[in-house]
C-alpha atoms as a PDB file:
ATOM      1  CA  MET A   1      84.140 109.050 115.748  1.00  0.00           C
ATOM      2  CA  LYS A   2      87.370 107.613 114.342  1.00  0.00           C
ATOM      3  CA  LYS A   3      87.614 106.657 110.694  1.00  0.00           C
ATOM      4  CA  ILE A   4      90.220 104.404 109.073  1.00  0.00           C
ATOM      5  CA  GLY A   5      90.937 104.104 105.357  1.00  0.00           C
ATOM      6  CA  LEU A   6      91.566 100.553 104.130  1.00  0.00           C
ATOM      7  CA  ILE A   7      93.314 100.282 100.765  1.00  0.00           C
ATOM      8  CA  SER A   8      95.591  97.902  98.895  1.00  0.00           C
ATOM      9  CA  ASP A   9      97.276  97.247  95.551  1.00  0.00           C
ATOM     10  CA  THR A  10      97.563 100.840  94.374  1.00  0.00           C
ATOM     11  CA  HIS A  11     100.418  99.838  92.030  1.00  0.00           C
ATOM     12  CA  GLY A  12     101.595 103.430  91.673  1.00  0.00           C
ATOM     13  CA  LEU A  13      98.192 105.033  91.130  1.00  0.00           C
ATOM     14  CA  LEU A  14      96.310 107.157  93.653  1.00  0.00           C
ATOM     15  CA  ARG A  15      92.984 108.020  92.115  1.00  0.00           C
ATOM     16  CA  PRO A  16      91.427 111.423  92.933  1.00  0.00           C
ATOM     17  CA  GLU A  17      88.303 109.638  94.176  1.00  0.00           C
ATOM     18  CA  VAL A  18      90.390 107.659  96.658  1.00  0.00           C
ATOM     19  CA  LEU A  19      92.253 110.702  97.941  1.00  0.00           C
ATOM     20  CA  GLN A  20      89.004 112.577  98.378  1.00  0.00           C
ATOM     21  CA  ALA A  21      87.413 109.728 100.321  1.00  0.00           C
ATOM     22  CA  LEU A  22      90.468 109.362 102.557  1.00  0.00           C
ATOM     23  CA  GLU A  23      90.433 113.005 103.586  1.00  0.00           C
ATOM     24  CA  GLY A  24      89.357 113.161 107.195  1.00  0.00           C
ATOM     25  CA  CYS A  25      90.564 109.650 108.014  1.00  0.00           C
ATOM     26  CA  ASP A  26      92.432 109.293 111.291  1.00  0.00           C
ATOM     27  CA  ALA A  27      94.646 106.521 109.887  1.00  0.00           C
ATOM     28  CA  ILE A  28      95.221 104.709 106.596  1.00  0.00           C
ATOM     29  CA  LEU A  29      96.067 101.008 106.285  1.00  0.00           C
ATOM     30  CA  HIS A  30      97.718  99.871 103.034  1.00  0.00           C
ATOM     31  CA  GLY A  31      97.862  96.151 102.260  1.00  0.00           C
ATOM     32  CA  GLY A  32     100.873  96.253  99.938  1.00  0.00           C
ATOM     33  CA  ASP A  33     101.824  96.383  96.251  1.00  0.00           C
ATOM     34  CA  ILE A  34     102.268 100.096  96.696  1.00  0.00           C
ATOM     35  CA  ASN A  35     104.833 100.616  93.916  1.00  0.00           C
ATOM     36  CA  THR A  36     106.635 103.776  95.094  1.00  0.00           C
ATOM     37  CA  GLN A  37     107.551 105.668  98.248  1.00  0.00           C
ATOM     38  CA  GLU A  38     105.743 108.664  96.742  1.00  0.00           C
ATOM     39  CA  ILE A  39     102.426 106.868  97.256  1.00  0.00           C
ATOM     40  CA  LEU A  40     103.093 106.519 100.978  1.00  0.00           C
ATOM     41  CA  ASP A  41     104.349 110.091 101.222  1.00  0.00           C
ATOM     42  CA  ARG A  42     101.172 111.407  99.632  1.00  0.00           C
ATOM     43  CA  LEU A  43      98.973 109.322 101.930  1.00  0.00           C
ATOM     44  CA  ALA A  44     100.973 110.499 104.940  1.00  0.00           C
ATOM     45  CA  GLN A  45      99.908 114.058 104.118  1.00  0.00           C
ATOM     46  CA  ILE A  46      96.370 112.958 105.013  1.00  0.00           C
ATOM     47  CA  SER A  47      96.967 110.852 108.129  1.00  0.00           C
ATOM     48  CA  PRO A  48      99.362 108.307 109.683  1.00  0.00           C
ATOM     49  CA  VAL A  49      99.937 105.349 107.363  1.00  0.00           C
ATOM     50  CA  TYR A  50     100.437 101.693 108.297  1.00  0.00           C
ATOM     51  CA  ALA A  51     101.723  99.661 105.353  1.00  0.00           C
ATOM     52  CA  VAL A  52     103.108  96.213 104.608  1.00  0.00           C
ATOM     53  CA  ARG A  53     105.352  95.200 101.728  1.00  0.00           C
ATOM     54  CA  GLY A  54     103.708  93.524  98.740  1.00  0.00           C
ATOM     55  CA  ASN A  55     105.296  90.992  96.410  1.00  0.00           C
ATOM     56  CA  ASN A  56     105.768  93.720  93.794  1.00  0.00           C
ATOM     57  CA  ASP A  57     107.363  96.171  96.231  1.00  0.00           C
ATOM     58  CA  LYS A  58     111.062  95.653  95.540  1.00  0.00           C
ATOM     59  CA  GLU A  59     114.269  97.368  96.694  1.00  0.00           C
ATOM     60  CA  TRP A  60     112.679 100.705  97.558  1.00  0.00           C
ATOM     61  CA  ALA A  61     110.390  98.969 100.093  1.00  0.00           C
ATOM     62  CA  GLU A  62     112.975  96.963 102.029  1.00  0.00           C
ATOM     63  CA  HIS A  63     112.179  99.044 105.113  1.00  0.00           C
ATOM     64  CA  LEU A  64     108.534  97.926 105.053  1.00  0.00           C
ATOM     65  CA  PRO A  65     107.576  94.839 107.076  1.00  0.00           C
ATOM     66  CA  GLN A  66     105.886  91.747 105.691  1.00  0.00           C
ATOM     67  CA  PHE A  67     103.671  91.628 108.771  1.00  0.00           C
ATOM     68  CA  LEU A  68     102.273  94.285 111.086  1.00  0.00           C
ATOM     69  CA  ASP A  69     100.751  93.585 114.482  1.00  0.00           C
ATOM     70  CA  PHE A  70      99.673  96.694 116.411  1.00  0.00           C
ATOM     71  CA  SER A  71      96.926  98.426 118.364  1.00  0.00           C
ATOM     72  CA  LEU A  72      94.972 101.285 116.833  1.00  0.00           C
ATOM     73  CA  PHE A  73      92.137 103.184 118.502  1.00  0.00           C
ATOM     74  CA  GLY A  74      91.509 100.252 120.815  1.00  0.00           C
ATOM     75  CA  LEU A  75      91.578  97.651 118.021  1.00  0.00           C
ATOM     76  CA  ARG A  76      94.189  94.913 117.720  1.00  0.00           C
ATOM     77  CA  VAL A  77      95.212  94.891 114.056  1.00  0.00           C
ATOM     78  CA  PHE A  78      97.144  92.416 111.917  1.00  0.00           C
ATOM     79  CA  MET A  79      98.252  93.096 108.324  1.00  0.00           C
ATOM     80  CA  THR A  80     100.038  91.203 105.577  1.00  0.00           C
ATOM     81  CA  HIS A  81      99.860  91.263 101.789  1.00  0.00           C
ATOM     82  CA  LYS A  82      98.881  87.689 100.942  1.00  0.00           C
ATOM     83  CA  LYS A  83      96.015  85.848 102.560  1.00  0.00           C
ATOM     84  CA  LYS A  84      97.997  82.600 102.514  1.00  0.00           C
ATOM     85  CA  ASP A  85     100.522  84.180 104.893  1.00  0.00           C
ATOM     86  CA  LEU A  86      97.944  84.852 107.616  1.00  0.00           C
ATOM     87  CA  PRO A  87      98.355  82.940 110.894  1.00  0.00           C
ATOM     88  CA  LYS A  88      96.008  79.987 111.277  1.00  0.00           C
ATOM     89  CA  ASP A  89      94.639  81.309 114.564  1.00  0.00           C
ATOM     90  CA  LEU A  90      93.292  84.837 114.080  1.00  0.00           C
ATOM     91  CA  SER A  91      91.384  85.067 117.338  1.00  0.00           C
ATOM     92  CA  THR A  92      93.974  87.462 118.802  1.00  0.00           C
ATOM     93  CA  TRP A  93      92.977  90.287 116.471  1.00  0.00           C
ATOM     94  CA  ASP A  94      89.910  92.450 115.976  1.00  0.00           C
ATOM     95  CA  LEU A  95      90.831  93.507 112.444  1.00  0.00           C
ATOM     96  CA  VAL A  96      92.856  91.571 109.860  1.00  0.00           C
ATOM     97  CA  LEU A  97      93.724  93.194 106.536  1.00  0.00           C
ATOM     98  CA  TYR A  98      95.342  91.658 103.465  1.00  0.00           C
ATOM     99  CA  GLY A  99      95.379  92.282  99.688  1.00  0.00           C
ATOM    100  CA  HIS A 100      97.071  90.786  96.608  1.00  0.00           C
ATOM    101  CA  SER A 101      94.057  89.291  94.797  1.00  0.00           C
ATOM    102  CA  HIS A 102      92.555  92.653  93.743  1.00  0.00           C
ATOM    103  CA  LYS A 103      89.180  91.232  94.796  1.00  0.00           C
ATOM    104  CA  TYR A 104      87.128  92.729  97.618  1.00  0.00           C
ATOM    105  CA  GLU A 105      86.380  90.279 100.406  1.00  0.00           C
ATOM    106  CA  GLU A 106      85.175  90.597 103.966  1.00  0.00           C
ATOM    107  CA  LYS A 107      84.022  88.099 106.580  1.00  0.00           C
ATOM    108  CA  ARG A 108      83.872  87.526 110.300  1.00  0.00           C
ATOM    109  CA  GLU A 109      85.493  84.640 112.107  1.00  0.00           C
ATOM    110  CA  GLY A 110      84.244  84.855 115.658  1.00  0.00           C
ATOM    111  CA  SER A 111      85.191  88.295 116.930  1.00  0.00           C
ATOM    112  CA  THR A 112      87.748  88.823 114.144  1.00  0.00           C
ATOM    113  CA  PHE A 113      86.883  90.856 111.053  1.00  0.00           C
ATOM    114  CA  LEU A 114      88.895  89.958 107.941  1.00  0.00           C
ATOM    115  CA  ILE A 115      88.972  92.262 104.951  1.00  0.00           C
ATOM    116  CA  ASN A 116      90.648  92.510 101.581  1.00  0.00           C
ATOM    117  CA  PRO A 117      89.756  95.991 100.319  1.00  0.00           C
ATOM    118  CA  GLY A 118      90.540  94.985  96.749  1.00  0.00           C
ATOM    119  CA  SER A 119      92.528  97.233  94.441  1.00  0.00           C
ATOM    120  CA  CYS A 120      91.986 100.960  93.928  1.00  0.00           C
ATOM    121  CA  GLY A 121      94.949 101.279  91.567  1.00  0.00           C
ATOM    122  CA  PRO A 122      95.040 100.524  87.825  1.00  0.00           C
ATOM    123  CA  ARG A 123      92.162  98.337  86.772  1.00  0.00           C
ATOM    124  CA  ARG A 124      93.170  94.773  85.927  1.00  0.00           C
ATOM    125  CA  PHE A 125      91.052  92.969  83.358  1.00  0.00           C
ATOM    126  CA  ASN A 126      87.378  93.426  84.314  1.00  0.00           C
ATOM    127  CA  GLN A 127      87.905  93.555  88.054  1.00  0.00           C
ATOM    128  CA  GLU A 128      86.170  96.170  90.162  1.00  0.00           C
ATOM    129  CA  ILE A 129      87.989  99.157  91.648  1.00  0.00           C
ATOM    130  CA  THR A 130      87.402  99.115  95.397  1.00  0.00           C
ATOM    131  CA  PHE A 131      88.612 100.168  98.838  1.00  0.00           C
ATOM    132  CA  ALA A 132      86.927 100.542 102.217  1.00  0.00           C
ATOM    133  CA  LEU A 133      86.299 102.938 105.074  1.00  0.00           C
ATOM    134  CA  LEU A 134      86.046 101.632 108.615  1.00  0.00           C
ATOM    135  CA  GLU A 135      84.231 103.692 111.239  1.00  0.00           C
ATOM    136  CA  LEU A 136      84.540 103.083 114.969  1.00  0.00           C
ATOM    137  CA  LEU A 137      81.074 103.402 116.454  1.00  0.00           C
ATOM    138  CA  ASP A 138      81.923 103.685 120.141  1.00  0.00           C
ATOM    139  CA  GLU A 139      84.749 103.430 122.639  1.00  0.00           C
ATOM    140  CA  GLY A 140      83.898  99.782 123.190  1.00  0.00           C
ATOM    141  CA  GLY A 141      85.599  98.835 119.946  1.00  0.00           C
ATOM    142  CA  SER A 142      82.557  98.168 117.784  1.00  0.00           C
ATOM    143  CA  PHE A 143      82.980  99.222 114.163  1.00  0.00           C
ATOM    144  CA  GLU A 144      81.559  98.834 110.704  1.00  0.00           C
ATOM    145  CA  ALA A 145      83.287  98.735 107.328  1.00  0.00           C
ATOM    146  CA  ARG A 146      81.814 100.362 104.265  1.00  0.00           C
ATOM    147  CA  ARG A 147      82.839  99.148 100.832  1.00  0.00           C
ATOM    148  CA  MET A 148      83.697 101.938  98.400  1.00  0.00           C
ATOM    149  CA  ASP A 149      83.420 101.380  94.648  1.00  0.00           C
ATOM    150  CA  ILE A 150      84.808 103.560  91.890  1.00  0.00           C
ATOM    151  CA  ALA A 151      82.791 103.441  88.706  1.00  0.00           C
ATOM    152  CA  HIS A 152      84.877 102.535  85.717  1.00  0.00           C
ATOM    153  CA  ALA A 153      84.031 104.528  82.639  1.00  0.00           C
ATOM    154  CA  LYS A 154      85.255 102.245  79.914  1.00  0.00           C
ATOM    155  CA  ARG A 155      86.918 104.017  77.043  1.00  0.00           C
ATOM    156  CA  PRO A 156      87.656 102.494  73.655  1.00  0.00           C
ATOM    157  CA  GLU A 157      91.092 100.897  73.625  1.00  0.00           C
ATOM    158  CA  LEU A 158      93.464 101.954  70.872  1.00  0.00           C
ATOM    159  CA  SER A 159      94.132  99.247  68.322  1.00  0.00           C
ATOM    160  CA  LEU A 160      97.375  98.773  66.415  1.00  0.00           C
ATOM    161  CA  GLU A 161      96.101 100.822  63.474  1.00  0.00           C
ATOM    162  CA  GLN A 162      95.312 103.777  65.772  1.00  0.00           C
ATOM    163  CA  VAL A 163      98.695 103.995  67.490  1.00  0.00           C
ATOM    164  CA  ARG A 164     100.603 107.244  66.917  1.00  0.00           C
ATOM    165  CA  THR A 165     104.144 108.323  67.761  1.00  0.00           C
ATOM    166  CA  GLN A 166     102.945 110.253  70.820  1.00  0.00           C
ATOM    167  CA  ASP A 167     101.297 107.074  72.163  1.00  0.00           C
ATOM    168  CA  VAL A 168     104.590 105.206  71.903  1.00  0.00           C
ATOM    169  CA  GLU A 169     106.385 108.095  73.605  1.00  0.00           C
ATOM    170  CA  LYS A 170     103.894 107.918  76.503  1.00  0.00           C
ATOM    171  CA  VAL A 171     104.661 104.222  76.906  1.00  0.00           C
ATOM    172  CA  MET A 172     108.410 104.883  76.867  1.00  0.00           C
ATOM    173  CA  ARG A 173     108.083 107.530  79.573  1.00  0.00           C
ATOM    174  CA  ALA A 174     105.928 105.219  81.665  1.00  0.00           C
ATOM    175  CA  VAL A 175     108.482 102.396  81.362  1.00  0.00           C
ATOM    176  CA  LYS A 176     111.200 104.750  82.634  1.00  0.00           C
ATOM    177  CA  LYS A 177     109.018 105.478  85.657  1.00  0.00           C
ATOM    178  CA  GLY A 178     108.729 101.769  86.410  1.00  0.00           C
ATOM    179  CA  ARG A 179     105.051 101.407  85.498  1.00  0.00           C
ATOM    180  CA  SER A 180     103.660  97.930  84.925  1.00  0.00           C
ATOM    181  CA  VAL A 181     102.076  96.877  81.634  1.00  0.00           C
ATOM    182  CA  GLN A 182      98.639  97.018  83.273  1.00  0.00           C
ATOM    183  CA  GLN A 183      99.268 100.546  84.514  1.00  0.00           C
ATOM    184  CA  ILE A 184     100.555 101.674  81.138  1.00  0.00           C
ATOM    185  CA  ALA A 185      97.515 100.244  79.340  1.00  0.00           C
ATOM    186  CA  ALA A 186      95.188 101.966  81.817  1.00  0.00           C
ATOM    187  CA  GLU A 187      96.985 105.299  81.534  1.00  0.00           C
ATOM    188  CA  THR A 188      97.379 105.369  77.745  1.00  0.00           C
ATOM    189  CA  GLY A 189      94.194 103.654  76.602  1.00  0.00           C
ATOM    190  CA  LEU A 190      96.166 101.050  74.648  1.00  0.00           C
ATOM    191  CA  GLN A 191      95.126  97.428  74.468  1.00  0.00           C
ATOM    192  CA  GLU A 192      97.170  95.577  77.090  1.00  0.00           C
ATOM    193  CA  ALA A 193      98.759  93.241  74.538  1.00  0.00           C
ATOM    194  CA  LEU A 194      99.750  96.245  72.446  1.00  0.00           C
ATOM    195  CA  ALA A 195     101.209  98.092  75.421  1.00  0.00           C
ATOM    196  CA  GLU A 196     103.207  94.963  76.278  1.00  0.00           C
ATOM    197  CA  GLN A 197     104.555  94.753  72.720  1.00  0.00           C
ATOM    198  CA  ILE A 198     105.758  98.365  72.796  1.00  0.00           C
ATOM    199  CA  CYS A 199     107.348  97.849  76.226  1.00  0.00           C
ATOM    200  CA  ARG A 200     109.166  94.753  75.012  1.00  0.00           C
ATOM    201  CA  LEU A 201     110.518  96.484  71.901  1.00  0.00           C
ATOM    202  CA  TYR A 202     111.667  99.449  73.950  1.00  0.00           C
ATOM    203  CA  LEU A 203     113.417  97.305  76.566  1.00  0.00           C
ATOM    204  CA  THR A 204     115.061  94.916  74.122  1.00  0.00           C
ATOM    205  CA  HIS A 205     116.353  97.588  71.718  1.00  0.00           C
ATOM    206  CA  PRO A 206     118.494 100.039  73.729  1.00  0.00           C
ATOM    207  CA  GLY A 207     118.574 103.510  72.172  1.00  0.00           C
ATOM    208  CA  VAL A 208     115.531 102.993  69.977  1.00  0.00           C
ATOM    209  CA  ASP A 209     113.209 105.982  69.680  1.00  0.00           C
ATOM    210  CA  ALA A 210     109.457 106.136  69.172  1.00  0.00           C
ATOM    211  CA  ASP A 211     109.776 106.256  65.372  1.00  0.00           C
ATOM    212  CA  GLY A 212     112.042 103.200  65.469  1.00  0.00           C
ATOM    213  CA  ILE A 213     109.482 101.269  67.489  1.00  0.00           C
ATOM    214  CA  MET A 214     106.760 102.330  65.058  1.00  0.00           C
ATOM    215  CA  LYS A 215     108.808 100.955  62.169  1.00  0.00           C
ATOM    216  CA  LYS A 216     109.451  97.674  63.947  1.00  0.00           C
ATOM    217  CA  MET A 217     105.689  97.361  64.445  1.00  0.00           C
ATOM    218  CA  GLY A 218     105.130  97.982  60.754  1.00  0.00           C
ATOM    219  CA  LEU A 219     103.454 101.356  61.220  1.00  0.00           C
END
């Protein structure tokens, strides 16, 4: 039985739960907003990867297509990042995958199965963390998709009064790595608005160190 991993919007984060679930997959489909080549390289260690370029995948991803149309294990597959970019007539394909919204969605239109596996990267606002596994049931091309949810253990966010120099240094390192504000907030435990403030001070004051940012924030 063939198994395909369906993921999207990792935004630079491959969670251990996702990697564990993808082990044993015969292929992985990524719906874009990947963030780095390293994400694709890590996934490729598990199985062949089919990926499209997301709107946040910039210069590093110029080699990735906006659309993919291919056959996989007897299925005709179409992929793009944004749902609005899908062709109007989808009857050609068995499986259509897209992403972008971070919201899980699946439906059938005739013989075509459309799926947005949601986002399994950094959590945005109160949205769920999801992806999917698709299992081919027989050689006739029948399959079923299973939604996978990752429980989010909410931790207290650090407020302005709780910020320490090491927290600012973590943000600075994350900015150098190209992390988004949402990723930085998720990784450091800072309130998103606070993480954004630190990022802005760091980017607009070249040469400033963590202590300098602390002073500018009145800490």
